[in-house]
C-alpha cells in the first residue's frame, strides 16, 4: 500500500488579497453568530488518532521541520509514514 500526500487535493486554498479584504473579524459578527460560534466545543476523541511520544532529533532537523510553519508535526508524521511504506526493513510484530 503506497501512501501519498498531494497538496493539490487538499481543499484549503490560500487566501487572496480580495479574500482578506472581505474578511470580518469575530468582533464584527452579529451577536447571535458570535454566541453560536463561542458555544461550540470540540468533543473528546473516541479513539485517539495519534499517540504523544518523546523523540530526540538533531537540532538542524528540528529547526528545518519547524521552519515549515504550522502543521510541521503532521508533515513529519506523513514523511515517516511514507518512509515506512517504502522501507525494506522488516518491522517487528507483537508476536516476534
N, C-alpha and C. Protein backbone atom coordinates (compact mmCIF):
# COMPACT_ATOMS: atom_id res chain seq x y z
N UNK A 1 0.84 -1.18 0.00
CA UNK A 1 0.00 0.00 0.00
C UNK A 1 0.89 1.24 0.00
N UNK A 2 0.72 2.08 -0.99
CA UNK A 2 1.51 3.30 -1.07
C UNK A 2 0.67 4.47 -0.57
N UNK A 3 1.26 5.25 0.32
CA UNK A 3 0.59 6.41 0.89
C UNK A 3 1.24 7.64 0.28
N UNK A 4 0.43 8.50 -0.29
CA UNK A 4 0.97 9.71 -0.89
C UNK A 4 0.20 10.92 -0.36
N UNK A 5 0.85 12.04 -0.40
CA UNK A 5 0.23 13.30 0.00
C UNK A 5 0.30 14.23 -1.18
N UNK A 6 -0.84 14.67 -1.64
CA UNK A 6 -0.91 15.58 -2.77
C UNK A 6 -1.51 16.90 -2.31
N UNK A 7 -0.68 17.94 -2.12
CA UNK A 7 -1.20 19.21 -1.63
C UNK A 7 -2.24 19.82 -2.56
N UNK A 8 -2.24 19.43 -3.83
CA UNK A 8 -3.22 19.96 -4.78
C UNK A 8 -4.63 19.45 -4.47
N UNK A 9 -4.73 18.30 -3.79
CA UNK A 9 -6.03 17.72 -3.49
C UNK A 9 -6.59 18.22 -2.16
N UNK A 10 -5.79 18.94 -1.41
CA UNK A 10 -6.24 19.47 -0.12
C UNK A 10 -7.11 20.69 -0.39
N UNK A 11 -8.32 20.67 0.14
CA UNK A 11 -9.24 21.79 -0.09
C UNK A 11 -9.06 22.84 1.00
N UNK A 12 -7.96 23.54 0.93
CA UNK A 12 -7.68 24.62 1.86
C UNK A 12 -6.84 25.65 1.11
N UNK A 13 -7.48 26.32 0.14
CA UNK A 13 -6.73 27.24 -0.71
C UNK A 13 -6.19 28.45 0.06
N UNK A 14 -5.10 28.97 -0.42
CA UNK A 14 -4.52 30.17 0.17
C UNK A 14 -5.46 31.35 -0.05
N UNK A 15 -5.49 32.25 0.91
CA UNK A 15 -6.34 33.43 0.79
C UNK A 15 -5.70 34.46 -0.14
N UNK A 16 -6.51 35.09 -0.94
CA UNK A 16 -6.04 36.18 -1.81
C UNK A 16 -6.23 37.50 -1.07
N UNK A 17 -5.72 38.57 -1.64
CA UNK A 17 -5.93 39.89 -1.05
C UNK A 17 -7.42 40.22 -1.00
N UNK A 18 -8.16 39.80 -2.02
CA UNK A 18 -9.61 40.04 -2.04
C UNK A 18 -10.31 39.29 -0.91
N UNK A 19 -9.85 38.05 -0.63
CA UNK A 19 -10.43 37.28 0.48
C UNK A 19 -10.21 38.01 1.81
N UNK A 20 -8.99 38.48 2.01
CA UNK A 20 -8.68 39.20 3.24
C UNK A 20 -9.49 40.49 3.34
N UNK A 21 -9.71 41.16 2.20
CA UNK A 21 -10.48 42.41 2.21
C UNK A 21 -11.93 42.17 2.61
N UNK A 22 -12.47 40.99 2.27
CA UNK A 22 -13.87 40.66 2.60
C UNK A 22 -14.02 40.08 4.00
N UNK A 23 -12.92 39.70 4.62
CA UNK A 23 -12.99 39.03 5.92
C UNK A 23 -13.52 39.98 6.99
N UNK A 24 -14.27 39.40 7.91
CA UNK A 24 -14.83 40.16 9.03
C UNK A 24 -14.26 39.58 10.31
N UNK A 25 -13.72 40.42 11.20
CA UNK A 25 -13.20 39.89 12.47
C UNK A 25 -14.34 39.33 13.31
N UNK A 26 -14.02 38.44 14.19
CA UNK A 26 -15.03 37.82 15.06
C UNK A 26 -15.86 38.88 15.77
N UNK A 27 -15.19 39.94 16.23
CA UNK A 27 -15.91 41.00 16.96
C UNK A 27 -16.89 41.75 16.05
N UNK A 28 -16.72 41.64 14.74
CA UNK A 28 -17.61 42.32 13.80
C UNK A 28 -18.83 41.50 13.41
N UNK A 29 -18.91 40.26 13.89
CA UNK A 29 -20.07 39.42 13.60
C UNK A 29 -21.26 39.83 14.47
N UNK A 30 -22.47 39.55 13.98
CA UNK A 30 -23.66 39.82 14.81
C UNK A 30 -23.58 39.02 16.12
N UNK A 31 -24.17 39.55 17.17
CA UNK A 31 -24.10 38.93 18.50
C UNK A 31 -24.58 37.48 18.49
N UNK A 32 -25.67 37.18 17.76
CA UNK A 32 -26.18 35.81 17.77
C UNK A 32 -25.20 34.83 17.11
N UNK A 33 -24.48 35.28 16.09
CA UNK A 33 -23.49 34.41 15.44
C UNK A 33 -22.29 34.20 16.35
N UNK A 34 -21.86 35.26 17.05
CA UNK A 34 -20.76 35.11 18.00
C UNK A 34 -21.14 34.13 19.11
N UNK A 35 -22.39 34.21 19.57
CA UNK A 35 -22.85 33.31 20.63
C UNK A 35 -22.84 31.86 20.17
N UNK A 36 -23.31 31.61 18.95
CA UNK A 36 -23.33 30.25 18.42
C UNK A 36 -21.91 29.72 18.27
N UNK A 37 -21.04 30.51 17.66
CA UNK A 37 -19.66 30.06 17.44
C UNK A 37 -18.90 29.88 18.75
N UNK A 38 -19.19 30.72 19.74
CA UNK A 38 -18.50 30.62 21.03
C UNK A 38 -18.95 29.41 21.83
N UNK A 39 -20.18 28.96 21.58
CA UNK A 39 -20.71 27.84 22.36
C UNK A 39 -20.25 26.49 21.83
N UNK A 40 -19.70 26.46 20.65
CA UNK A 40 -19.26 25.19 20.05
C UNK A 40 -17.95 24.74 20.68
N UNK A 41 -17.94 23.51 21.10
CA UNK A 41 -16.74 22.92 21.68
C UNK A 41 -16.45 21.62 20.96
N UNK A 42 -15.20 21.34 20.82
CA UNK A 42 -14.81 20.08 20.21
C UNK A 42 -14.99 18.98 21.25
N UNK A 43 -15.63 17.91 20.85
CA UNK A 43 -15.82 16.78 21.74
C UNK A 43 -14.54 16.01 21.92
N UNK A 44 -14.50 15.18 22.94
CA UNK A 44 -13.30 14.38 23.15
C UNK A 44 -13.22 13.30 22.09
N UNK A 45 -12.02 12.91 21.77
CA UNK A 45 -11.82 11.87 20.76
C UNK A 45 -12.27 10.54 21.33
N UNK A 46 -13.02 9.80 20.52
CA UNK A 46 -13.45 8.47 20.95
C UNK A 46 -12.25 7.53 20.99
N UNK A 47 -11.43 7.61 19.97
CA UNK A 47 -10.22 6.80 19.91
C UNK A 47 -9.11 7.72 19.37
N UNK A 48 -8.11 8.03 20.18
CA UNK A 48 -7.05 8.92 19.72
C UNK A 48 -6.41 8.42 18.42
N UNK A 49 -6.22 9.35 17.51
CA UNK A 49 -5.64 9.01 16.21
C UNK A 49 -4.11 8.97 16.27
N UNK A 50 -3.55 9.76 17.16
CA UNK A 50 -2.10 9.84 17.29
C UNK A 50 -1.71 9.65 18.74
N UNK A 51 -0.50 9.18 18.96
CA UNK A 51 -0.01 8.91 20.30
C UNK A 51 1.14 9.87 20.60
N UNK A 52 1.03 10.63 21.69
CA UNK A 52 2.13 11.54 22.03
C UNK A 52 3.37 10.75 22.46
N UNK A 53 4.52 11.14 21.93
CA UNK A 53 5.78 10.48 22.28
C UNK A 53 6.85 11.54 22.51
N UNK A 54 7.98 11.09 22.95
CA UNK A 54 9.15 11.95 23.07
C UNK A 54 10.19 11.37 22.13
N UNK A 55 10.79 12.23 21.30
CA UNK A 55 11.78 11.76 20.31
C UNK A 55 12.93 12.75 20.29
N UNK A 56 14.14 12.25 20.13
CA UNK A 56 15.31 13.11 20.05
C UNK A 56 15.69 13.29 18.58
N UNK A 57 15.76 14.54 18.16
CA UNK A 57 16.12 14.87 16.79
C UNK A 57 17.36 15.77 16.79
N UNK A 58 18.11 15.72 15.73
CA UNK A 58 19.24 16.63 15.57
C UNK A 58 18.70 18.05 15.50
N UNK A 59 19.46 19.01 16.05
CA UNK A 59 18.98 20.40 16.05
C UNK A 59 18.64 20.92 14.66
N UNK A 60 19.44 20.56 13.65
CA UNK A 60 19.17 21.05 12.30
C UNK A 60 17.90 20.42 11.72
N UNK A 61 17.61 19.17 12.08
CA UNK A 61 16.39 18.52 11.60
C UNK A 61 15.17 19.20 12.23
N UNK A 62 15.21 19.41 13.54
CA UNK A 62 14.10 20.06 14.22
C UNK A 62 13.90 21.48 13.70
N UNK A 63 14.98 22.20 13.51
CA UNK A 63 14.88 23.57 13.00
C UNK A 63 14.25 23.57 11.61
N UNK A 64 14.68 22.63 10.77
CA UNK A 64 14.11 22.55 9.42
C UNK A 64 12.64 22.22 9.43
N UNK A 65 12.23 21.30 10.30
CA UNK A 65 10.81 20.94 10.40
C UNK A 65 9.99 22.13 10.88
N UNK A 66 10.44 22.77 11.95
CA UNK A 66 9.70 23.91 12.49
C UNK A 66 9.64 25.08 11.52
N UNK A 67 10.66 25.20 10.69
CA UNK A 67 10.70 26.30 9.73
C UNK A 67 9.62 26.16 8.67
N UNK A 68 9.04 24.97 8.53
CA UNK A 68 7.98 24.78 7.54
C UNK A 68 6.66 25.37 8.02
N UNK A 69 6.61 25.81 9.27
CA UNK A 69 5.43 26.50 9.78
C UNK A 69 4.45 25.59 10.50
N UNK A 70 3.27 26.16 10.77
CA UNK A 70 2.23 25.44 11.48
C UNK A 70 1.90 24.13 10.77
N UNK A 71 1.75 23.07 11.53
CA UNK A 71 1.47 21.77 10.95
C UNK A 71 2.71 20.94 10.72
N UNK A 72 3.85 21.42 11.22
CA UNK A 72 5.11 20.71 10.96
C UNK A 72 5.10 19.31 11.54
N UNK A 73 4.43 19.09 12.66
CA UNK A 73 4.41 17.75 13.25
C UNK A 73 3.62 16.78 12.37
N UNK A 74 2.53 17.26 11.79
CA UNK A 74 1.75 16.41 10.88
C UNK A 74 2.55 16.08 9.62
N UNK A 75 3.32 17.06 9.13
CA UNK A 75 4.15 16.79 7.94
C UNK A 75 5.26 15.80 8.27
N UNK A 76 5.83 15.90 9.47
CA UNK A 76 6.86 14.94 9.89
C UNK A 76 6.23 13.56 10.00
N UNK A 77 5.02 13.47 10.54
CA UNK A 77 4.31 12.20 10.65
C UNK A 77 4.10 11.58 9.27
N UNK A 78 3.68 12.41 8.31
CA UNK A 78 3.45 11.92 6.95
C UNK A 78 4.76 11.46 6.30
N UNK A 79 5.84 12.21 6.52
CA UNK A 79 7.14 11.83 5.95
C UNK A 79 7.60 10.48 6.51
N UNK A 80 7.41 10.28 7.80
CA UNK A 80 7.78 9.00 8.41
C UNK A 80 6.90 7.87 7.89
N UNK A 81 5.61 8.15 7.70
CA UNK A 81 4.69 7.15 7.16
C UNK A 81 5.11 6.73 5.74
N UNK A 82 5.48 7.71 4.92
CA UNK A 82 5.94 7.40 3.56
C UNK A 82 7.23 6.58 3.59
N UNK A 83 8.14 6.95 4.49
CA UNK A 83 9.40 6.21 4.60
C UNK A 83 9.13 4.76 5.00
N UNK A 84 8.24 4.57 5.97
CA UNK A 84 7.91 3.21 6.42
C UNK A 84 7.29 2.39 5.30
N UNK A 85 6.46 3.02 4.50
CA UNK A 85 5.81 2.30 3.40
C UNK A 85 6.82 1.83 2.35
N UNK A 86 7.89 2.59 2.17
CA UNK A 86 8.91 2.26 1.17
C UNK A 86 10.09 1.49 1.74
N UNK A 87 10.18 1.42 3.06
CA UNK A 87 11.32 0.82 3.71
C UNK A 87 11.35 -0.69 3.55
N UNK A 88 12.50 -1.23 3.14
CA UNK A 88 12.64 -2.68 3.02
C UNK A 88 12.88 -3.35 4.38
N UNK A 89 13.02 -2.55 5.42
CA UNK A 89 13.31 -3.09 6.75
C UNK A 89 12.10 -3.86 7.27
N UNK A 90 12.37 -5.07 7.77
CA UNK A 90 11.29 -5.84 8.36
C UNK A 90 10.99 -5.28 9.73
N UNK A 91 9.72 -5.02 9.96
CA UNK A 91 9.31 -4.48 11.23
C UNK A 91 8.95 -5.58 12.20
N UNK A 92 9.28 -5.36 13.46
CA UNK A 92 8.94 -6.35 14.49
C UNK A 92 7.44 -6.33 14.71
N UNK A 93 6.90 -7.51 14.97
CA UNK A 93 5.49 -7.61 15.29
C UNK A 93 5.36 -7.87 16.79
N UNK A 94 4.15 -7.76 17.30
CA UNK A 94 3.93 -8.02 18.72
C UNK A 94 4.30 -9.45 19.07
N UNK A 95 4.15 -10.38 18.10
CA UNK A 95 4.43 -11.79 18.36
C UNK A 95 5.93 -12.10 18.30
N UNK A 96 6.69 -11.26 17.64
CA UNK A 96 8.10 -11.65 17.50
C UNK A 96 8.99 -10.52 17.38
